[in-house]
Amino acid sequence: MPKRVDHEDRRRQIAAAVRRIAADRGLEGVSLNEVAAEAGISKGFVQHYFASRDDMLRFAATTLRSGVEERIATPPEVEIRVRDLLIALLPLDDAGRNDALVANAFLVRALKDPEIAGHFRTGHGMLRDAVAALLAAAQANGELAQSVDPAAEAVLLLALVAGLGDAVLLGYQSGDEAIALIDLHLSRIAA
């Protein structure tokens, strides 16, 4: 009986190789040959799943959210709080740093590729909505000032975390300093 191949799993394996290369060398380091070598497969195998480098990059962009989702995932019985989610978005460990480097590499690509830009918009919208929902819940519990607009504040908080994340990546803010600044901002909007 022939071996059954999980084609989606193979595509994810190739996308993981793209992300590893992008974290190390940026997207300019991503070629069919380099991805094949990183994934431990032949170039022909990569070409079987992706007709071009652009197709491969576009698929890899659809997998960027998985690292963030893993970092912010909590067991169902644990209530995630806004602060926890914001801190999980910072590049404070190797996994977070790699995810941030890859996202930044793809962000530059998204400026010229509408499909990748669409993935960024979708992911950002989902994240913004999640933060807004957590803020609304905190407001309903009396933990957030009533004058705060949860939707607008979610946008501001994500912009704050994005800027702090870049500062941590570049080394002009430490992770502890970034967390302290998040705490400072959250204290300003607390009830």
C-alpha atoms as a PDB file:
ATOM      1  CA  MET A   1       0.000   0.000   0.000  1.00  0.00           C
ATOM      2  CA  PRO A   2       1.485   3.411  -0.925  1.00  0.00           C
ATOM      3  CA  LYS A   3       2.456   5.740   1.868  1.00  0.00           C
ATOM      4  CA  ARG A   4      -0.083   8.517   2.489  1.00  0.00           C
ATOM      5  CA  VAL A   5       1.477  11.958   2.397  1.00  0.00           C
ATOM      6  CA  ASP A   6       0.044  14.862   4.370  1.00  0.00           C
ATOM      7  CA  HIS A   7       0.563  17.607   1.809  1.00  0.00           C
ATOM      8  CA  GLU A   8      -0.447  20.388   4.192  1.00  0.00           C
ATOM      9  CA  ASP A   9       2.100  19.113   6.717  1.00  0.00           C
ATOM     10  CA  ARG A  10       4.797  19.171   4.022  1.00  0.00           C
ATOM     11  CA  ARG A  11       3.866  22.744   3.111  1.00  0.00           C
ATOM     12  CA  ARG A  12       4.079  23.735   6.808  1.00  0.00           C
ATOM     13  CA  GLN A  13       7.494  22.028   7.041  1.00  0.00           C
ATOM     14  CA  ILE A  14       8.720  24.163   4.143  1.00  0.00           C
ATOM     15  CA  ALA A  15       7.170  27.310   5.677  1.00  0.00           C
ATOM     16  CA  ALA A  16       8.984  26.570   8.959  1.00  0.00           C
ATOM     17  CA  ALA A  17      12.270  26.442   7.034  1.00  0.00           C
ATOM     18  CA  VAL A  18      11.409  29.803   5.424  1.00  0.00           C
ATOM     19  CA  ARG A  19      10.770  31.296   8.877  1.00  0.00           C
ATOM     20  CA  ARG A  20      14.068  29.959  10.271  1.00  0.00           C
ATOM     21  CA  ILE A  21      16.014  31.460   7.373  1.00  0.00           C
ATOM     22  CA  ALA A  22      14.088  34.747   7.627  1.00  0.00           C
ATOM     23  CA  ALA A  23      14.875  34.980  11.359  1.00  0.00           C
ATOM     24  CA  ASP A  24      18.562  34.450  10.665  1.00  0.00           C
ATOM     25  CA  ARG A  25      19.135  36.301   7.373  1.00  0.00           C
ATOM     26  CA  GLY A  26      15.915  38.087   6.434  1.00  0.00           C
ATOM     27  CA  LEU A  27      13.841  37.300   3.376  1.00  0.00           C
ATOM     28  CA  GLU A  28      16.755  38.125   1.084  1.00  0.00           C
ATOM     29  CA  GLY A  29      18.308  34.870   2.356  1.00  0.00           C
ATOM     30  CA  VAL A  30      15.277  32.852   1.296  1.00  0.00           C
ATOM     31  CA  SER A  31      15.750  30.982  -1.978  1.00  0.00           C
ATOM     32  CA  LEU A  32      14.408  27.651  -3.163  1.00  0.00           C
ATOM     33  CA  ASN A  33      17.876  26.129  -2.710  1.00  0.00           C
ATOM     34  CA  GLU A  34      18.338  27.556   0.798  1.00  0.00           C
ATOM     35  CA  VAL A  35      14.873  26.464   1.905  1.00  0.00           C
ATOM     36  CA  ALA A  36      15.436  22.966   0.542  1.00  0.00           C
ATOM     37  CA  ALA A  37      18.746  22.702   2.410  1.00  0.00           C
ATOM     38  CA  GLU A  38      17.211  24.084   5.632  1.00  0.00           C
ATOM     39  CA  ALA A  39      14.269  21.686   5.432  1.00  0.00           C
ATOM     40  CA  GLY A  40      16.504  18.737   4.517  1.00  0.00           C
ATOM     41  CA  ILE A  41      14.697  18.086   1.248  1.00  0.00           C
ATOM     42  CA  SER A  42      15.422  18.511  -2.454  1.00  0.00           C
ATOM     43  CA  LYS A  43      14.790  21.703  -4.420  1.00  0.00           C
ATOM     44  CA  GLY A  44      12.453  19.674  -6.633  1.00  0.00           C
ATOM     45  CA  PHE A  45      10.438  18.720  -3.582  1.00  0.00           C
ATOM     46  CA  VAL A  46      10.030  22.410  -2.684  1.00  0.00           C
ATOM     47  CA  GLN A  47       9.038  23.165  -6.284  1.00  0.00           C
ATOM     48  CA  HIS A  48       6.470  20.363  -6.162  1.00  0.00           C
ATOM     49  CA  TYR A  49       4.619  22.282  -3.443  1.00  0.00           C
ATOM     50  CA  PHE A  50       5.329  25.852  -4.540  1.00  0.00           C
ATOM     51  CA  ALA A  51       5.499  27.055  -8.135  1.00  0.00           C
ATOM     52  CA  SER A  52       7.660  30.043  -7.212  1.00  0.00           C
ATOM     53  CA  ARG A  53       9.512  31.781  -4.415  1.00  0.00           C
ATOM     54  CA  ASP A  54       6.634  34.268  -4.203  1.00  0.00           C
ATOM     55  CA  ASP A  55       4.104  31.457  -3.694  1.00  0.00           C
ATOM     56  CA  MET A  56       6.316  29.980  -0.988  1.00  0.00           C
ATOM     57  CA  LEU A  57       6.664  33.348   0.787  1.00  0.00           C
ATOM     58  CA  ARG A  58       2.938  34.015   0.574  1.00  0.00           C
ATOM     59  CA  PHE A  59       2.155  30.651   2.138  1.00  0.00           C
ATOM     60  CA  ALA A  60       4.798  31.153   4.836  1.00  0.00           C
ATOM     61  CA  ALA A  61       3.162  34.495   5.679  1.00  0.00           C
ATOM     62  CA  THR A  62      -0.057  32.631   6.513  1.00  0.00           C
ATOM     63  CA  THR A  63       1.834  30.705   9.217  1.00  0.00           C
ATOM     64  CA  LEU A  64       3.284  33.698  11.093  1.00  0.00           C
ATOM     65  CA  ARG A  65       0.449  33.868  13.615  1.00  0.00           C
ATOM     66  CA  SER A  66       1.128  30.397  14.999  1.00  0.00           C
ATOM     67  CA  GLY A  67       4.089  31.480  17.142  1.00  0.00           C
ATOM     68  CA  VAL A  68       2.149  34.351  18.677  1.00  0.00           C
ATOM     69  CA  GLU A  69      -0.849  32.115  19.303  1.00  0.00           C
ATOM     70  CA  GLU A  70       1.364  29.585  21.087  1.00  0.00           C
ATOM     71  CA  ARG A  71       2.872  32.258  23.334  1.00  0.00           C
ATOM     72  CA  ILE A  72      -0.486  33.737  24.328  1.00  0.00           C
ATOM     73  CA  ALA A  73      -2.348  30.432  24.645  1.00  0.00           C
ATOM     74  CA  THR A  74      -3.642  29.671  28.118  1.00  0.00           C
ATOM     75  CA  PRO A  75      -5.553  26.714  29.506  1.00  0.00           C
ATOM     76  CA  PRO A  76      -9.329  27.256  29.342  1.00  0.00           C
ATOM     77  CA  GLU A  77      -9.571  27.614  33.121  1.00  0.00           C
ATOM     78  CA  VAL A  78      -7.028  30.467  33.187  1.00  0.00           C
ATOM     79  CA  GLU A  79      -8.263  33.940  32.342  1.00  0.00           C
ATOM     80  CA  ILE A  80      -5.767  35.842  30.214  1.00  0.00           C
ATOM     81  CA  ARG A  81      -5.368  39.481  31.141  1.00  0.00           C
ATOM     82  CA  VAL A  82      -4.443  42.417  28.915  1.00  0.00           C
ATOM     83  CA  ARG A  83      -1.023  42.756  30.543  1.00  0.00           C
ATOM     84  CA  ASP A  84      -0.218  39.073  29.968  1.00  0.00           C
ATOM     85  CA  LEU A  85      -1.167  39.295  26.315  1.00  0.00           C
ATOM     86  CA  LEU A  86       0.876  42.455  25.734  1.00  0.00           C
ATOM     87  CA  ILE A  87       3.952  40.998  27.413  1.00  0.00           C
ATOM     88  CA  ALA A  88       3.580  37.796  25.382  1.00  0.00           C
ATOM     89  CA  LEU A  89       3.898  39.915  22.242  1.00  0.00           C
ATOM     90  CA  LEU A  90       7.321  41.263  23.260  1.00  0.00           C
ATOM     91  CA  PRO A  91      10.495  39.512  22.010  1.00  0.00           C
ATOM     92  CA  LEU A  92      11.643  38.478  25.493  1.00  0.00           C
ATOM     93  CA  ASP A  93      12.992  35.002  24.712  1.00  0.00           C
ATOM     94  CA  ASP A  94      14.486  33.209  21.728  1.00  0.00           C
ATOM     95  CA  ALA A  95      11.098  32.167  20.326  1.00  0.00           C
ATOM     96  CA  GLY A  96       9.671  35.663  20.697  1.00  0.00           C
ATOM     97  CA  ARG A  97      12.787  37.210  19.194  1.00  0.00           C
ATOM     98  CA  ASN A  98      12.659  34.861  16.192  1.00  0.00           C
ATOM     99  CA  ASP A  99       8.952  35.544  15.669  1.00  0.00           C
ATOM    100  CA  ALA A 100       9.592  39.303  15.787  1.00  0.00           C
ATOM    101  CA  LEU A 101      12.502  39.078  13.345  1.00  0.00           C
ATOM    102  CA  VAL A 102      10.437  37.019  10.916  1.00  0.00           C
ATOM    103  CA  ALA A 103       7.430  39.329  11.232  1.00  0.00           C
ATOM    104  CA  ASN A 104       9.623  42.360  10.568  1.00  0.00           C
ATOM    105  CA  ALA A 105      11.140  40.679   7.507  1.00  0.00           C
ATOM    106  CA  PHE A 106       7.675  39.906   6.152  1.00  0.00           C
ATOM    107  CA  LEU A 107       6.432  43.394   7.016  1.00  0.00           C
ATOM    108  CA  VAL A 108       8.873  44.874   4.531  1.00  0.00           C
ATOM    109  CA  ARG A 109       7.664  42.364   1.919  1.00  0.00           C
ATOM    110  CA  ALA A 110       4.036  43.219   2.733  1.00  0.00           C
ATOM    111  CA  LEU A 111       4.641  46.803   1.635  1.00  0.00           C
ATOM    112  CA  LYS A 112       4.949  45.526  -1.961  1.00  0.00           C
ATOM    113  CA  ASP A 113       2.786  42.384  -1.832  1.00  0.00           C
ATOM    114  CA  PRO A 114      -0.954  42.958  -1.319  1.00  0.00           C
ATOM    115  CA  GLU A 115      -1.602  39.311  -0.419  1.00  0.00           C
ATOM    116  CA  ILE A 116       0.945  39.319   2.395  1.00  0.00           C
ATOM    117  CA  ALA A 117      -0.325  42.748   3.484  1.00  0.00           C
ATOM    118  CA  GLY A 118      -3.787  41.205   3.703  1.00  0.00           C
ATOM    119  CA  HIS A 119      -2.493  38.505   6.060  1.00  0.00           C
ATOM    120  CA  PHE A 120      -0.960  41.206   8.255  1.00  0.00           C
ATOM    121  CA  ARG A 121      -4.221  43.192   8.301  1.00  0.00           C
ATOM    122  CA  THR A 122      -6.231  40.092   9.196  1.00  0.00           C
ATOM    123  CA  GLY A 123      -3.858  39.077  11.968  1.00  0.00           C
ATOM    124  CA  HIS A 124      -3.658  42.588  13.362  1.00  0.00           C
ATOM    125  CA  GLY A 125      -7.436  42.901  13.290  1.00  0.00           C
ATOM    126  CA  MET A 126      -7.847  39.660  15.216  1.00  0.00           C
ATOM    127  CA  LEU A 127      -5.283  40.754  17.775  1.00  0.00           C
ATOM    128  CA  ARG A 128      -6.811  44.232  18.082  1.00  0.00           C
ATOM    129  CA  ASP A 129     -10.259  42.703  18.623  1.00  0.00           C
ATOM    130  CA  ALA A 130      -8.894  40.314  21.275  1.00  0.00           C
ATOM    131  CA  VAL A 131      -7.218  43.173  23.171  1.00  0.00           C
ATOM    132  CA  ALA A 132     -10.358  45.319  22.880  1.00  0.00           C
ATOM    133  CA  ALA A 133     -12.486  42.458  24.254  1.00  0.00           C
ATOM    134  CA  LEU A 134     -10.122  42.010  27.206  1.00  0.00           C
ATOM    135  CA  LEU A 135     -10.222  45.751  27.869  1.00  0.00           C
ATOM    136  CA  ALA A 136     -14.020  45.790  27.690  1.00  0.00           C
ATOM    137  CA  ALA A 137     -14.158  42.896  30.163  1.00  0.00           C
ATOM    138  CA  ALA A 138     -11.753  44.724  32.504  1.00  0.00           C
ATOM    139  CA  GLN A 139     -13.932  47.827  32.211  1.00  0.00           C
ATOM    140  CA  ALA A 140     -17.056  45.811  33.043  1.00  0.00           C
ATOM    141  CA  ASN A 141     -15.236  44.427  36.108  1.00  0.00           C
ATOM    142  CA  GLY A 142     -14.358  47.948  37.255  1.00  0.00           C
ATOM    143  CA  GLU A 143     -10.623  47.526  36.575  1.00  0.00           C
ATOM    144  CA  LEU A 144     -10.452  49.976  33.656  1.00  0.00           C
ATOM    145  CA  ALA A 145     -11.456  53.622  33.738  1.00  0.00           C
ATOM    146  CA  GLN A 146     -14.907  54.225  32.261  1.00  0.00           C
ATOM    147  CA  SER A 147     -13.521  57.071  30.139  1.00  0.00           C
ATOM    148  CA  VAL A 148     -11.369  54.626  28.154  1.00  0.00           C
ATOM    149  CA  ASP A 149     -12.615  53.515  24.733  1.00  0.00           C
ATOM    150  CA  PRO A 150     -11.560  49.826  24.575  1.00  0.00           C
ATOM    151  CA  ALA A 151     -11.352  49.767  20.757  1.00  0.00           C
ATOM    152  CA  ALA A 152      -9.170  52.888  20.522  1.00  0.00           C
ATOM    153  CA  GLU A 153      -7.063  51.820  23.496  1.00  0.00           C
ATOM    154  CA  ALA A 154      -6.420  48.421  21.893  1.00  0.00           C
ATOM    155  CA  VAL A 155      -4.924  50.183  18.858  1.00  0.00           C
ATOM    156  CA  LEU A 156      -2.749  52.367  21.104  1.00  0.00           C
ATOM    157  CA  LEU A 157      -1.568  49.421  23.199  1.00  0.00           C
ATOM    158  CA  LEU A 158      -0.613  47.377  20.139  1.00  0.00           C
ATOM    159  CA  ALA A 159       1.300  50.350  18.732  1.00  0.00           C
ATOM    160  CA  LEU A 160       3.077  50.721  22.080  1.00  0.00           C
ATOM    161  CA  VAL A 161       4.022  47.034  22.134  1.00  0.00           C
ATOM    162  CA  ALA A 162       5.188  47.113  18.498  1.00  0.00           C
ATOM    163  CA  GLY A 163       7.473  50.053  19.222  1.00  0.00           C
ATOM    164  CA  LEU A 164       8.761  48.522  22.433  1.00  0.00           C
ATOM    165  CA  GLY A 165       9.317  45.211  20.649  1.00  0.00           C
ATOM    166  CA  ASP A 166      11.512  46.924  18.071  1.00  0.00           C
ATOM    167  CA  ALA A 167      13.372  48.734  20.856  1.00  0.00           C
ATOM    168  CA  VAL A 168      14.054  45.410  22.597  1.00  0.00           C
ATOM    169  CA  LEU A 169      15.197  43.831  19.316  1.00  0.00           C
ATOM    170  CA  LEU A 170      17.581  46.728  18.692  1.00  0.00           C
ATOM    171  CA  GLY A 171      18.836  46.632  22.270  1.00  0.00           C
ATOM    172  CA  TYR A 172      18.024  50.139  23.407  1.00  0.00           C
ATOM    173  CA  GLN A 173      15.364  48.904  25.811  1.00  0.00           C
ATOM    174  CA  SER A 174      15.647  45.806  27.929  1.00  0.00           C
ATOM    175  CA  GLY A 175      12.760  43.422  28.306  1.00  0.00           C
ATOM    176  CA  ASP A 176      12.293  44.555  31.899  1.00  0.00           C
ATOM    177  CA  GLU A 177      12.222  48.202  30.820  1.00  0.00           C
ATOM    178  CA  ALA A 178       9.625  47.410  28.154  1.00  0.00           C
ATOM    179  CA  ILE A 179       7.448  45.604  30.699  1.00  0.00           C
ATOM    180  CA  ALA A 180       7.796  48.525  33.121  1.00  0.00           C
ATOM    181  CA  LEU A 181       6.590  50.919  30.399  1.00  0.00           C
ATOM    182  CA  ILE A 182       3.594  48.698  29.647  1.00  0.00           C
ATOM    183  CA  ASP A 183       2.804  48.652  33.371  1.00  0.00           C
ATOM    184  CA  LEU A 184       3.124  52.440  33.516  1.00  0.00           C
ATOM    185  CA  HIS A 185       0.682  52.885  30.664  1.00  0.00           C
ATOM    186  CA  LEU A 186      -1.787  50.367  32.080  1.00  0.00           C
ATOM    187  CA  SER A 187      -1.670  52.129  35.462  1.00  0.00           C
ATOM    188  CA  ARG A 188      -2.734  55.346  33.706  1.00  0.00           C
ATOM    189  CA  ILE A 189      -5.910  53.774  32.355  1.00  0.00           C
ATOM    190  CA  ALA A 190      -6.805  51.690  35.408  1.00  0.00           C
ATOM    191  CA  ALA A 191      -9.951  52.532  37.348  1.00  0.00           C
END
